[in-house]
N, C-alpha and C. Protein backbone atom coordinates (compact mmCIF):
# COMPACT_ATOMS: atom_id res chain seq x y z
N UNK A 1 -25.70 47.66 4.91
CA UNK A 1 -25.25 47.66 3.55
C UNK A 1 -23.72 47.74 3.41
N UNK A 2 -23.07 48.43 4.25
CA UNK A 2 -21.58 48.53 4.14
C UNK A 2 -20.97 47.13 4.63
N UNK A 3 -21.57 46.47 5.50
CA UNK A 3 -21.09 45.19 6.08
C UNK A 3 -21.25 44.17 4.84
N UNK A 4 -22.42 44.19 4.06
CA UNK A 4 -22.37 43.24 2.99
C UNK A 4 -21.40 43.61 1.81
N UNK A 5 -21.13 44.91 1.61
CA UNK A 5 -20.25 45.18 0.63
C UNK A 5 -18.87 44.77 1.04
N UNK A 6 -18.46 44.97 2.23
CA UNK A 6 -17.26 44.48 2.86
C UNK A 6 -17.10 42.95 2.73
N UNK A 7 -18.15 42.38 3.08
CA UNK A 7 -18.30 40.89 3.01
C UNK A 7 -17.93 40.33 1.56
N UNK A 8 -18.64 40.95 0.62
CA UNK A 8 -18.32 40.58 -0.75
C UNK A 8 -16.96 40.85 -1.17
N UNK A 9 -16.36 41.90 -0.73
CA UNK A 9 -15.06 42.23 -1.16
C UNK A 9 -14.11 41.07 -0.62
N UNK A 10 -14.28 40.92 0.64
CA UNK A 10 -13.52 39.81 1.37
C UNK A 10 -13.71 38.55 0.55
N UNK A 11 -14.96 38.09 0.23
CA UNK A 11 -15.14 36.77 -0.33
C UNK A 11 -14.56 36.70 -1.69
N UNK A 12 -14.74 37.93 -2.44
CA UNK A 12 -14.05 37.92 -3.83
C UNK A 12 -12.58 37.72 -3.84
N UNK A 13 -11.98 38.58 -2.90
CA UNK A 13 -10.50 38.53 -2.78
C UNK A 13 -10.08 37.13 -2.31
N UNK A 14 -10.73 36.58 -1.33
CA UNK A 14 -10.46 35.29 -0.88
C UNK A 14 -10.50 34.12 -1.91
N UNK A 15 -11.55 34.28 -2.73
CA UNK A 15 -11.66 33.37 -3.87
C UNK A 15 -10.51 33.51 -4.87
N UNK A 16 -10.15 34.72 -5.18
CA UNK A 16 -9.09 35.04 -6.07
C UNK A 16 -7.73 34.64 -5.53
N UNK A 17 -7.69 34.63 -4.16
CA UNK A 17 -6.34 34.22 -3.54
C UNK A 17 -6.17 32.72 -3.81
N UNK A 18 -7.17 31.94 -4.12
CA UNK A 18 -7.05 30.61 -4.36
C UNK A 18 -6.26 30.47 -5.71
N UNK A 19 -6.50 31.22 -6.58
CA UNK A 19 -5.82 31.16 -7.86
C UNK A 19 -4.31 31.44 -7.54
N UNK A 20 -3.95 32.32 -6.81
CA UNK A 20 -2.55 32.74 -6.59
C UNK A 20 -1.94 31.52 -5.86
N UNK A 21 -2.58 30.99 -4.63
CA UNK A 21 -1.75 29.98 -3.93
C UNK A 21 -1.80 28.62 -4.76
N UNK A 22 -2.78 28.40 -5.65
CA UNK A 22 -2.76 27.08 -6.35
C UNK A 22 -1.61 27.22 -7.38
N UNK A 23 -1.48 28.39 -7.96
CA UNK A 23 -0.55 28.46 -9.09
C UNK A 23 0.93 28.49 -8.40
N UNK A 24 1.11 29.28 -7.38
CA UNK A 24 2.42 29.23 -6.68
C UNK A 24 2.71 27.86 -6.05
N UNK A 25 1.67 27.14 -5.55
CA UNK A 25 2.05 25.79 -5.12
C UNK A 25 2.58 24.83 -6.21
N UNK A 26 2.04 25.06 -7.38
CA UNK A 26 2.58 24.38 -8.61
C UNK A 26 4.07 24.79 -8.77
N UNK A 27 4.35 26.05 -8.75
CA UNK A 27 5.64 26.59 -8.93
C UNK A 27 6.67 26.18 -7.86
N UNK A 28 6.17 25.84 -6.69
CA UNK A 28 6.98 25.44 -5.52
C UNK A 28 7.51 24.06 -5.67
N UNK A 29 6.98 23.25 -6.59
CA UNK A 29 7.48 21.93 -6.88
C UNK A 29 7.47 20.99 -5.50
N UNK A 30 6.25 20.98 -4.90
CA UNK A 30 6.15 20.20 -3.69
C UNK A 30 6.76 20.92 -2.47
N UNK A 31 6.74 22.14 -2.37
CA UNK A 31 7.42 23.03 -1.38
C UNK A 31 8.89 22.74 -1.20
N UNK A 32 9.45 22.62 -2.47
CA UNK A 32 10.98 22.52 -2.36
C UNK A 32 11.70 23.63 -2.93
N UNK A 33 10.85 24.62 -3.50
CA UNK A 33 11.40 25.93 -3.91
C UNK A 33 10.89 27.05 -2.94
N UNK A 34 11.88 27.77 -2.40
CA UNK A 34 11.55 28.70 -1.27
C UNK A 34 10.42 29.65 -1.51
N UNK A 35 10.69 30.67 -2.39
CA UNK A 35 9.74 31.71 -2.59
C UNK A 35 8.35 31.41 -2.94
N UNK A 36 8.20 30.52 -3.96
CA UNK A 36 6.85 30.13 -4.41
C UNK A 36 6.14 29.40 -3.07
N UNK A 37 6.83 28.64 -2.30
CA UNK A 37 6.38 28.13 -1.12
C UNK A 37 5.90 29.06 -0.07
N UNK A 38 6.87 30.06 0.12
CA UNK A 38 6.38 31.19 1.14
C UNK A 38 5.22 31.99 0.61
N UNK A 39 5.09 32.29 -0.64
CA UNK A 39 3.95 32.92 -1.22
C UNK A 39 2.62 32.14 -1.06
N UNK A 40 2.80 30.82 -1.37
CA UNK A 40 1.73 29.91 -1.18
C UNK A 40 1.13 30.06 0.26
N UNK A 41 2.03 29.84 1.23
CA UNK A 41 1.48 29.76 2.52
C UNK A 41 0.98 31.05 3.02
N UNK A 42 1.58 32.23 2.71
CA UNK A 42 1.10 33.61 3.05
C UNK A 42 -0.26 33.83 2.51
N UNK A 43 -0.43 33.64 1.17
CA UNK A 43 -1.62 33.86 0.53
C UNK A 43 -2.67 32.88 0.92
N UNK A 44 -2.41 31.65 1.25
CA UNK A 44 -3.35 30.70 1.79
C UNK A 44 -3.95 31.22 2.99
N UNK A 45 -2.93 31.64 4.01
CA UNK A 45 -3.49 32.13 5.32
C UNK A 45 -4.42 33.33 5.14
N UNK A 46 -3.89 34.23 4.38
CA UNK A 46 -4.72 35.52 4.17
C UNK A 46 -6.08 35.30 3.57
N UNK A 47 -6.00 34.28 2.53
CA UNK A 47 -7.35 33.89 1.87
C UNK A 47 -8.35 33.28 2.89
N UNK A 48 -7.96 32.47 3.73
CA UNK A 48 -8.81 31.79 4.76
C UNK A 48 -9.26 32.78 5.75
N UNK A 49 -8.37 33.79 6.13
CA UNK A 49 -8.74 34.83 6.95
C UNK A 49 -9.99 35.73 6.36
N UNK A 50 -9.77 36.10 5.11
CA UNK A 50 -10.75 36.76 4.40
C UNK A 50 -12.16 35.95 4.30
N UNK A 51 -11.95 34.71 4.07
CA UNK A 51 -13.17 33.69 3.95
C UNK A 51 -13.86 33.79 5.24
N UNK A 52 -13.07 33.67 6.34
CA UNK A 52 -13.82 33.83 7.75
C UNK A 52 -14.42 35.12 7.91
N UNK A 53 -14.08 36.12 7.49
CA UNK A 53 -14.72 37.49 7.50
C UNK A 53 -16.05 37.34 6.73
N UNK A 54 -16.06 36.80 5.60
CA UNK A 54 -17.25 36.68 4.68
C UNK A 54 -18.23 35.75 5.33
N UNK A 55 -17.78 34.77 6.01
CA UNK A 55 -18.70 33.86 6.65
C UNK A 55 -19.48 34.46 7.80
N UNK A 56 -18.86 35.35 8.35
CA UNK A 56 -19.53 36.07 9.42
C UNK A 56 -20.69 36.99 8.85
N UNK A 57 -20.61 37.32 7.67
CA UNK A 57 -21.64 38.14 7.07
C UNK A 57 -22.71 37.27 6.35
N UNK A 58 -22.22 36.29 5.58
CA UNK A 58 -23.14 35.59 4.71
C UNK A 58 -23.46 34.08 5.20
N UNK A 59 -22.69 33.54 6.08
CA UNK A 59 -22.97 32.24 6.48
C UNK A 59 -22.03 31.29 5.79
N UNK A 60 -21.83 30.12 6.22
CA UNK A 60 -20.91 29.16 5.64
C UNK A 60 -21.30 28.65 4.24
N UNK A 61 -22.53 28.31 4.10
CA UNK A 61 -23.06 27.68 2.77
C UNK A 61 -22.70 28.58 1.58
N UNK A 62 -23.20 29.83 1.64
CA UNK A 62 -22.94 30.57 0.42
C UNK A 62 -21.53 31.01 0.25
N UNK A 63 -21.02 31.38 1.40
CA UNK A 63 -19.65 31.80 1.28
C UNK A 63 -18.66 30.71 0.86
N UNK A 64 -18.67 29.65 1.38
CA UNK A 64 -17.76 28.71 0.79
C UNK A 64 -18.09 28.08 -0.58
N UNK A 65 -19.25 28.17 -1.08
CA UNK A 65 -19.66 27.92 -2.42
C UNK A 65 -19.06 28.94 -3.29
N UNK A 66 -19.17 30.28 -3.06
CA UNK A 66 -18.59 31.24 -3.83
C UNK A 66 -17.04 31.14 -3.87
N UNK A 67 -16.53 30.86 -2.65
CA UNK A 67 -15.01 30.87 -2.50
C UNK A 67 -14.47 29.64 -3.46
N UNK A 68 -15.15 28.56 -3.19
CA UNK A 68 -14.54 27.33 -4.05
C UNK A 68 -14.83 27.55 -5.44
N UNK A 69 -16.14 28.09 -5.76
CA UNK A 69 -16.48 28.35 -7.14
C UNK A 69 -15.44 29.27 -7.91
N UNK A 70 -15.11 30.34 -7.17
CA UNK A 70 -14.00 31.19 -7.82
C UNK A 70 -12.73 30.40 -8.05
N UNK A 71 -12.46 29.68 -7.06
CA UNK A 71 -11.26 28.89 -7.14
C UNK A 71 -11.21 27.95 -8.19
N UNK A 72 -12.29 27.14 -8.27
CA UNK A 72 -12.27 26.04 -9.33
C UNK A 72 -12.31 26.72 -10.80
N UNK A 73 -13.20 27.62 -10.99
CA UNK A 73 -13.27 28.30 -12.29
C UNK A 73 -12.06 29.02 -12.63
N UNK A 74 -11.43 29.79 -11.67
CA UNK A 74 -10.16 30.46 -11.82
C UNK A 74 -9.05 29.68 -12.02
N UNK A 75 -8.83 28.60 -11.25
CA UNK A 75 -7.68 27.77 -11.43
C UNK A 75 -7.80 26.91 -12.62
N UNK A 76 -9.07 26.55 -13.04
CA UNK A 76 -9.15 25.82 -14.32
C UNK A 76 -8.76 26.76 -15.55
N UNK A 77 -9.18 28.07 -15.50
CA UNK A 77 -8.81 29.01 -16.57
C UNK A 77 -7.28 29.15 -16.61
N UNK A 78 -6.65 29.30 -15.41
CA UNK A 78 -5.18 29.48 -15.23
C UNK A 78 -4.58 28.29 -15.88
N UNK A 79 -5.01 27.09 -15.52
CA UNK A 79 -4.50 25.83 -16.12
C UNK A 79 -4.75 25.80 -17.70
N UNK A 80 -5.73 26.24 -18.18
CA UNK A 80 -5.98 26.24 -19.54
C UNK A 80 -5.07 27.17 -20.29
N UNK A 81 -5.03 28.44 -19.81
CA UNK A 81 -4.49 29.57 -20.51
C UNK A 81 -3.00 29.78 -20.21
N UNK A 82 -2.59 29.49 -18.98
CA UNK A 82 -1.21 29.67 -18.49
C UNK A 82 -0.35 28.44 -18.54
N UNK A 83 -1.11 27.39 -18.14
CA UNK A 83 -0.25 26.15 -17.93
C UNK A 83 -0.34 25.12 -19.06
N UNK A 84 -1.21 25.61 -20.13
CA UNK A 84 -1.43 24.86 -21.40
C UNK A 84 -1.97 23.39 -21.08
N UNK A 85 -2.95 23.45 -20.01
CA UNK A 85 -3.65 22.18 -19.79
C UNK A 85 -4.71 21.88 -20.73
N UNK A 86 -5.11 20.74 -21.04
CA UNK A 86 -6.15 20.41 -21.93
C UNK A 86 -7.48 21.13 -21.78
N UNK A 87 -8.18 21.32 -22.84
CA UNK A 87 -9.61 21.85 -22.63
C UNK A 87 -10.47 21.15 -23.55
N UNK A 88 -11.67 20.77 -23.16
CA UNK A 88 -12.74 19.98 -23.88
C UNK A 88 -14.06 20.73 -23.65
N UNK A 89 -14.95 20.24 -24.49
CA UNK A 89 -16.29 20.81 -24.35
C UNK A 89 -16.93 20.53 -23.00
N UNK A 90 -16.61 19.27 -22.58
CA UNK A 90 -17.08 18.83 -21.30
C UNK A 90 -16.59 19.67 -20.12
N UNK A 91 -15.34 20.11 -20.23
CA UNK A 91 -14.82 20.98 -19.23
C UNK A 91 -15.36 22.32 -19.27
N UNK A 92 -15.70 22.85 -20.36
CA UNK A 92 -16.28 24.23 -20.45
C UNK A 92 -17.66 24.19 -19.95
N UNK A 93 -18.48 23.06 -20.36
CA UNK A 93 -19.74 22.98 -19.87
C UNK A 93 -19.94 22.87 -18.47
N UNK A 94 -18.96 22.08 -17.84
CA UNK A 94 -18.96 21.85 -16.35
C UNK A 94 -18.61 23.18 -15.69
N UNK A 95 -17.76 24.01 -16.26
CA UNK A 95 -17.45 25.30 -15.54
C UNK A 95 -18.67 26.26 -15.63
N UNK A 96 -19.40 26.20 -16.77
CA UNK A 96 -20.74 27.05 -16.94
C UNK A 96 -21.70 26.50 -15.91
N UNK A 97 -21.80 25.21 -15.81
CA UNK A 97 -22.82 24.78 -14.89
C UNK A 97 -22.49 25.06 -13.46
N UNK A 98 -21.18 24.98 -13.09
CA UNK A 98 -20.69 25.52 -11.82
C UNK A 98 -21.12 26.86 -11.47
N UNK A 99 -20.74 27.83 -12.47
CA UNK A 99 -21.02 29.28 -12.39
C UNK A 99 -22.45 29.45 -12.20
N UNK A 100 -23.31 28.81 -12.95
CA UNK A 100 -24.80 28.82 -12.82
C UNK A 100 -25.28 28.37 -11.47
N UNK A 101 -24.61 27.49 -10.89
CA UNK A 101 -25.02 26.97 -9.61
C UNK A 101 -24.63 27.98 -8.47
N UNK A 102 -23.53 28.62 -8.61
CA UNK A 102 -23.10 29.66 -7.72
C UNK A 102 -24.07 30.81 -7.72
N UNK A 103 -24.45 31.25 -8.84
CA UNK A 103 -25.31 32.35 -9.10
C UNK A 103 -26.73 32.04 -8.51
N UNK A 104 -27.17 30.64 -8.69
CA UNK A 104 -28.40 30.21 -8.15
C UNK A 104 -28.32 30.18 -6.58
N UNK A 105 -27.29 29.85 -5.90
CA UNK A 105 -27.13 29.88 -4.50
C UNK A 105 -27.29 31.31 -4.02
N UNK A 106 -26.53 32.16 -4.72
CA UNK A 106 -26.52 33.68 -4.35
C UNK A 106 -28.15 34.20 -4.50
N UNK A 107 -28.81 33.78 -5.50
CA UNK A 107 -30.19 34.38 -5.66
C UNK A 107 -31.11 33.74 -4.62
N UNK A 108 -30.98 32.43 -4.43
CA UNK A 108 -31.85 31.81 -3.39
C UNK A 108 -31.46 32.30 -2.05
N UNK A 109 -30.34 32.75 -1.77
CA UNK A 109 -29.91 33.33 -0.42
C UNK A 109 -30.53 34.58 -0.16
N UNK A 110 -30.95 35.32 -1.23
CA UNK A 110 -31.41 36.67 -1.00
C UNK A 110 -32.66 36.79 0.04
N UNK A 111 -33.54 35.71 -0.06
CA UNK A 111 -34.67 35.79 0.86
C UNK A 111 -34.23 35.30 2.20
N UNK A 112 -33.17 34.57 2.43
CA UNK A 112 -32.59 34.13 3.63
C UNK A 112 -31.80 35.10 4.48
N UNK A 113 -31.54 36.34 3.89
CA UNK A 113 -30.81 37.38 4.60
C UNK A 113 -31.25 37.66 5.92
N UNK A 114 -30.37 37.89 6.82
CA UNK A 114 -30.85 38.21 8.21
C UNK A 114 -31.00 39.66 8.37
């Protein structure tokens, strides 16, 4: 049980790291601004390290789906609320469908546990 809890913690932090490095990559202006570039690289490496830990617990399919799902939903919300990117009904519906798919993968993965 402790291994799964640690795996989930690593996976969630790895997914949230995607928000940080995606945002700081935008601030780096193509890696031409030093500190946002450094933060992007450090957080990117740390996030993939944590993802690798989660893959050891849950396997690649579910781990990568949750990781990228958190990243897609999170960066979309950062884009909408922080960077004033456009929002539409189709964008919101697509994010809800993505979240439902990730939850579905998690639920169907319960019976596949080792």
